[in-house]
Amino acid sequence: LFDKDNGVSIGAGLSSAFEDLIDSELSSVTIQRPPHDYLLYVGGLDWRKNVPMMVEALALTPEFKARGMQFVLAGDHGETVLAPIRALWRKYELPEDSLTTTGWVSDAQLVKLYRHALLAVQPSLMEGFGLAALEAMASSCAFIAARGGAVGEVVGRDDLLFDGEPMPAQFGIL
C-alpha cells in the first residue's frame, strides 16, 4: 500500500515474553496478595468495562462477605475513576477492606496475581479482543466474562459467559 515496506504485522494474543513468564517459577516476584481468596479484575474502569455491575453482584452474593473474600482491581487507576466504585462499595455496605487496588503491575506481577486468584472476571459490555481472558486462562486461572464483543470467542465456552447488565443511571456510571 502506497509503495511502503515499513509496515509491521501485529498479532493478537500473548507475547512470547508473557508466555515465558507463565512458564517460569516467579518466586522472586512480589505482589501484595490479599490474605483471603480473591476475585480479580484486570483492566480499565471506563463505563464499557461495567465494573460497577460486579460490585452489585458481589453485594448480592452472601458467600463473598461470609468467606472474607477480596475483589482486586489490577491496573493503574487514578482516584478520580476509583471514587465511583468506592462509593458504590460503601452504598452496598461491603467491607471496606475487601476492595483492593493494585496500581500499575508488571507482567510478572500480573501472572502471579492470576495464579493466586480464585477467579478472574471481565464484566465488559464491549470488549475488542479479550486479552485478559487469554492471559488468565493461559495462567491457569478460572475465568468468566460477560458476553460483550469478541471476548466470547476467546473464552470459547458459553457456560463461562454471563449477561452483563448495564448499571442503572442512578449510580452515575453511565
Protein backbone atom coordinates (compact mmCIF):
# COMPACT_ATOMS: atom_id res chain seq x y z
CA LEU A 1 0.00 0.00 0.00
CA PHE A 2 1.46 3.35 -1.08
CA ASP A 3 4.72 1.61 -2.05
CA LYS A 4 5.86 1.37 1.57
CA ASP A 5 7.68 -1.56 3.08
CA ASN A 6 7.90 -0.39 6.69
CA GLY A 7 4.63 -1.97 7.85
CA VAL A 8 4.61 -4.24 10.87
CA SER A 9 2.22 -7.10 11.44
CA ILE A 10 0.90 -7.15 15.00
CA GLY A 11 -0.67 -10.42 16.04
CA ALA A 12 -3.44 -10.70 18.56
CA GLY A 13 -2.59 -12.83 21.53
CA LEU A 14 0.03 -13.27 24.18
CA SER A 15 3.54 -12.02 23.62
CA SER A 16 6.35 -14.54 23.85
CA ALA A 17 7.64 -12.61 26.89
CA PHE A 18 4.30 -13.12 28.68
CA GLU A 19 4.30 -16.81 27.74
CA ASP A 20 7.82 -17.15 29.17
CA LEU A 21 6.59 -15.63 32.46
CA ILE A 22 3.74 -18.14 32.61
CA ASP A 23 6.26 -20.96 32.31
CA SER A 24 8.61 -19.52 34.94
CA GLU A 25 8.61 -20.00 38.71
CA LEU A 26 8.26 -16.28 39.65
CA SER A 27 9.37 -16.94 43.23
CA SER A 28 11.29 -13.67 43.34
CA VAL A 29 8.31 -11.62 42.10
CA THR A 30 6.47 -9.84 44.88
CA ILE A 31 2.83 -8.85 44.92
CA GLN A 32 0.64 -7.56 47.70
CA ARG A 33 -1.51 -10.65 47.83
CA PRO A 34 -4.76 -10.32 49.78
CA PRO A 35 -4.93 -12.53 52.87
CA HIS A 36 -8.09 -14.27 51.61
CA ASP A 37 -9.43 -15.73 48.40
CA TYR A 38 -9.88 -13.06 45.79
CA LEU A 39 -11.65 -12.33 42.56
CA LEU A 40 -9.50 -10.48 40.06
CA TYR A 41 -10.42 -7.83 37.52
CA VAL A 42 -7.71 -6.59 35.15
CA GLY A 43 -8.32 -3.54 33.01
CA GLY A 44 -9.64 -0.02 32.84
CA LEU A 45 -12.63 1.43 34.66
CA ASP A 46 -14.45 3.30 31.92
CA TRP A 47 -18.21 2.76 31.53
CA ARG A 48 -17.97 -0.05 28.98
CA LYS A 49 -15.89 -2.19 31.35
CA ASN A 50 -19.02 -2.46 33.55
CA VAL A 51 -17.13 -2.91 36.82
CA PRO A 52 -19.99 -1.40 38.92
CA MET A 53 -22.10 -4.39 37.89
CA MET A 54 -19.55 -6.60 39.66
CA VAL A 55 -19.90 -4.54 42.84
CA GLU A 56 -23.67 -5.02 42.68
CA ALA A 57 -23.25 -8.76 42.02
CA LEU A 58 -20.86 -9.16 44.96
CA ALA A 59 -23.30 -7.31 47.22
CA LEU A 60 -25.93 -9.91 46.28
CA THR A 61 -23.57 -12.82 46.99
CA PRO A 62 -23.62 -13.76 50.70
CA GLU A 63 -20.57 -16.02 50.27
CA PHE A 64 -18.43 -13.02 49.33
CA LYS A 65 -18.83 -11.48 52.78
CA ALA A 66 -19.07 -14.76 54.68
CA ARG A 67 -15.76 -16.05 53.30
CA GLY A 68 -14.00 -12.71 53.77
CA MET A 69 -13.17 -12.61 50.08
CA GLN A 70 -11.50 -9.74 48.26
CA PHE A 71 -12.21 -8.02 44.96
CA VAL A 72 -8.89 -6.97 43.43
CA LEU A 73 -8.78 -4.30 40.72
CA ALA A 74 -5.47 -4.59 38.88
CA GLY A 75 -4.43 -1.60 36.84
CA ASP A 76 -3.19 1.95 37.00
CA HIS A 77 -6.42 3.62 38.15
CA GLY A 78 -6.42 7.14 39.46
CA GLU A 79 -8.52 8.12 42.45
CA THR A 80 -10.92 10.02 40.19
CA VAL A 81 -12.01 6.84 38.36
CA LEU A 82 -11.90 4.74 41.55
CA ALA A 83 -14.14 7.13 43.51
CA PRO A 84 -17.46 5.96 41.97
CA ILE A 85 -16.51 2.31 42.56
CA ARG A 86 -15.60 3.05 46.18
CA ALA A 87 -18.86 4.99 46.66
CA LEU A 88 -20.88 2.10 45.28
CA TRP A 89 -18.92 -0.29 47.52
CA ARG A 90 -19.92 1.79 50.55
CA LYS A 91 -23.53 2.11 49.34
CA TYR A 92 -23.85 -1.68 49.36
CA GLU A 93 -22.12 -1.84 52.76
CA LEU A 94 -19.42 -4.20 51.54
CA PRO A 95 -16.43 -4.46 53.90
CA GLU A 96 -14.09 -1.61 53.05
CA ASP A 97 -11.01 -3.80 53.34
CA SER A 98 -12.37 -6.31 50.82
CA LEU A 99 -11.81 -3.94 47.89
CA THR A 100 -8.16 -3.87 46.87
CA THR A 101 -6.48 -1.86 44.14
CA THR A 102 -3.01 -2.72 42.92
CA GLY A 103 -1.97 0.25 40.86
CA TRP A 104 0.32 -0.48 37.93
CA VAL A 105 1.64 -4.06 37.86
CA SER A 106 4.37 -5.61 35.77
CA ASP A 107 3.62 -8.60 33.55
CA ALA A 108 5.37 -10.86 36.08
CA GLN A 109 3.22 -9.49 38.90
CA LEU A 110 0.13 -9.90 36.72
CA VAL A 111 0.91 -13.57 36.06
CA LYS A 112 1.34 -14.09 39.80
CA LEU A 113 -1.97 -12.34 40.51
CA TYR A 114 -3.71 -14.62 38.00
CA ARG A 115 -2.07 -17.71 39.50
CA HIS A 116 -3.34 -16.95 43.00
CA ALA A 117 -6.82 -15.67 42.12
CA LEU A 118 -9.82 -17.81 42.83
CA LEU A 119 -11.38 -16.40 39.68
CA ALA A 120 -10.74 -13.64 37.14
CA VAL A 121 -13.73 -11.81 35.74
CA GLN A 122 -14.35 -9.49 32.79
CA PRO A 123 -17.82 -7.91 33.06
CA SER A 124 -17.40 -5.70 29.96
CA LEU A 125 -20.34 -4.59 27.88
CA MET A 126 -17.96 -4.30 24.91
CA GLU A 127 -14.56 -5.88 24.55
CA GLY A 128 -12.43 -5.55 21.44
CA PHE A 129 -10.48 -8.77 21.90
CA GLY A 130 -10.36 -10.10 25.44
CA LEU A 131 -6.67 -10.15 26.25
CA ALA A 132 -7.41 -10.51 29.99
CA ALA A 133 -9.33 -13.70 29.21
CA LEU A 134 -6.43 -15.10 27.25
CA GLU A 135 -3.90 -14.10 29.92
CA ALA A 136 -5.97 -15.59 32.75
CA MET A 137 -6.65 -18.88 31.00
CA ALA A 138 -3.00 -19.23 29.93
CA SER A 139 -2.02 -18.62 33.57
CA SER A 140 -4.35 -21.47 34.69
CA CYS A 141 -6.79 -19.06 36.32
CA ALA A 142 -10.53 -19.76 36.22
CA PHE A 143 -12.19 -17.06 34.12
CA ILE A 144 -15.73 -15.84 33.47
CA ALA A 145 -16.85 -12.94 31.32
CA ALA A 146 -19.86 -11.02 30.15
CA ARG A 147 -20.95 -11.58 26.59
CA GLY A 148 -19.51 -8.35 25.26
CA GLY A 149 -17.73 -8.17 21.94
CA ALA A 150 -15.09 -10.68 20.97
CA VAL A 151 -14.34 -11.99 24.47
CA GLY A 152 -16.79 -14.86 23.96
CA GLU A 153 -14.74 -16.11 21.04
CA VAL A 154 -11.58 -16.00 23.14
CA VAL A 155 -13.23 -17.85 26.05
CA GLY A 156 -14.83 -20.34 23.69
CA ARG A 157 -17.31 -21.77 26.21
CA ASP A 158 -20.82 -20.42 26.68
CA ASP A 159 -21.02 -21.79 30.24
CA LEU A 160 -18.25 -19.34 31.23
CA LEU A 161 -20.17 -16.31 29.92
CA PHE A 162 -22.89 -14.28 31.60
CA ASP A 163 -25.16 -11.43 30.59
CA GLY A 164 -23.61 -8.18 31.76
CA GLU A 165 -26.49 -5.88 32.52
CA PRO A 166 -25.51 -2.20 32.42
CA MET A 167 -25.81 -0.30 35.67
CA PRO A 168 -28.81 1.96 36.14
CA ALA A 169 -28.22 5.67 35.62
CA GLN A 170 -28.85 6.45 39.32
CA PHE A 171 -25.35 5.19 40.13
CA GLY A 172 -23.86 7.94 37.97
CA ILE A 173 -21.76 5.49 35.98
CA LEU A 174 -23.47 5.56 32.57
